[in-house]
Protein backbone atom coordinates (compact mmCIF):
# COMPACT_ATOMS: atom_id res chain seq x y z
CA MET A 1 -5.95 2.39 -36.04
CA LYS A 2 -8.69 2.50 -33.43
CA LEU A 3 -7.83 3.12 -29.78
CA ASP A 4 -10.23 1.44 -27.37
CA LEU A 5 -10.19 3.61 -24.27
CA PHE A 6 -12.49 1.27 -22.37
CA LYS A 7 -10.01 -1.57 -22.68
CA LEU A 8 -7.11 0.70 -21.79
CA PHE A 9 -8.75 1.96 -18.62
CA GLY A 10 -10.48 -1.32 -17.89
CA LYS A 11 -7.16 -3.09 -17.21
CA THR A 12 -6.22 -0.58 -14.55
CA ASN A 13 -9.70 -0.75 -13.09
CA ASN A 14 -9.53 -4.55 -12.81
CA LYS A 15 -6.16 -4.32 -11.11
CA SER A 16 -7.43 -1.66 -8.70
CA LYS A 17 -10.49 -3.78 -8.04
CA SER A 18 -8.28 -6.78 -7.22
CA VAL A 19 -6.11 -4.74 -4.87
CA ALA A 20 -9.16 -3.30 -3.11
CA LYS A 21 -10.69 -6.77 -2.79
CA GLU A 22 -7.45 -8.16 -1.31
CA ARG A 23 -7.24 -5.29 1.20
CA LEU A 24 -10.84 -5.83 2.25
CA LYS A 25 -10.13 -9.53 2.77
CA LEU A 26 -7.19 -8.65 5.01
CA VAL A 27 -9.31 -6.25 7.08
CA LEU A 28 -12.03 -8.89 7.51
CA ILE A 29 -9.49 -11.53 8.47
CA HIS A 30 -7.96 -9.21 11.03
CA ASP A 31 -11.38 -8.51 12.53
CA ARG A 32 -12.27 -12.20 12.71
CA THR A 33 -9.02 -13.55 14.11
CA ASN A 34 -7.27 -10.61 15.71
CA VAL A 35 -4.26 -11.30 13.42
CA SER A 36 -2.48 -8.42 11.75
CA PRO A 37 -2.35 -8.24 7.94
CA LYS A 38 1.46 -8.20 8.17
CA PHE A 39 1.40 -11.49 10.08
CA LEU A 40 -0.91 -13.05 7.50
CA GLU A 41 1.43 -11.96 4.67
CA MET A 42 4.37 -13.52 6.55
CA VAL A 43 2.47 -16.82 6.90
CA LYS A 44 1.50 -16.69 3.22
CA GLY A 45 5.14 -16.12 2.21
CA ASP A 46 6.35 -19.00 4.38
CA ILE A 47 3.74 -21.36 2.95
CA ILE A 48 4.72 -20.38 -0.60
CA ASN A 49 8.41 -20.98 0.18
CA VAL A 50 7.83 -24.43 1.66
CA ILE A 51 5.36 -25.68 -0.96
CA SER A 52 7.46 -24.32 -3.84
CA ASP A 53 10.16 -26.85 -2.97
CA TYR A 54 7.79 -29.65 -3.99
CA MET A 55 5.45 -28.20 -6.60
CA VAL A 56 4.86 -25.32 -8.97
CA ILE A 57 1.92 -23.29 -7.72
CA ASP A 58 -0.18 -20.45 -9.09
CA GLU A 59 0.69 -17.71 -6.58
CA GLU A 60 -1.94 -15.36 -8.05
CA GLY A 61 -4.65 -17.93 -7.34
CA LEU A 62 -3.40 -18.63 -3.82
CA ASP A 63 -6.01 -17.91 -1.16
CA ILE A 64 -5.11 -18.16 2.51
CA GLN A 65 -7.58 -17.17 5.19
CA PHE A 66 -7.90 -17.25 8.92
CA THR A 67 -11.43 -18.06 9.95
CA ARG A 68 -13.23 -19.40 12.97
CA THR A 69 -14.53 -22.91 13.40
CA ARG A 70 -15.87 -24.98 16.28
CA ARG A 71 -13.93 -27.61 18.18
CA GLU A 72 -15.60 -31.02 17.97
CA SER A 73 -14.96 -31.98 21.58
CA ASP A 74 -16.66 -29.05 23.29
CA ASN A 75 -18.03 -26.89 20.42
CA SER A 76 -15.90 -23.93 21.52
CA PRO A 77 -14.81 -21.43 18.83
CA ILE A 78 -11.21 -21.73 17.61
CA PRO A 79 -9.27 -20.03 14.80
CA ALA A 80 -8.54 -22.06 11.66
CA LEU A 81 -6.13 -21.52 8.78
CA VAL A 82 -7.68 -22.39 5.42
CA ALA A 83 -5.53 -22.51 2.29
CA ASN A 84 -6.59 -22.96 -1.32
CA ILE A 85 -3.40 -23.47 -3.34
CA PRO A 86 -3.70 -24.11 -7.09
CA VAL A 87 -1.02 -26.65 -8.05
CA LEU A 88 0.26 -26.32 -11.61
CA LYS A 89 2.58 -29.34 -11.50
CA MET A 90 4.66 -31.45 -9.17
CA LYS A 91 8.43 -31.03 -9.15
CA ASP A 92 10.71 -33.96 -9.67
CA LYS A 93 12.22 -34.68 -6.27
CA ASP A 94 14.35 -37.62 -5.28
CA ILE A 95 12.73 -39.22 -2.25
CA LYS A 96 15.27 -41.21 -0.30
């Protein structure tokens, strides 16, 4: 039986890399929008709760960001919430 140490340590490395990437995203978002990472996590949780009533989503693939955009009327900068939510399937809901 051969033990592949690269695979064993590679899994942890990928997970650490993902965590570091997520933390960096939160820091950048905070700098851009002056929104705390805790607030962003609360918004993310609320969005997941609401959308989960209607569809099955891939929470790992969920990407929510605050960014800046320009208002069409006067071209002034405004914050924007951008969400990329992978939908796995729609739930059967009775619409009355």
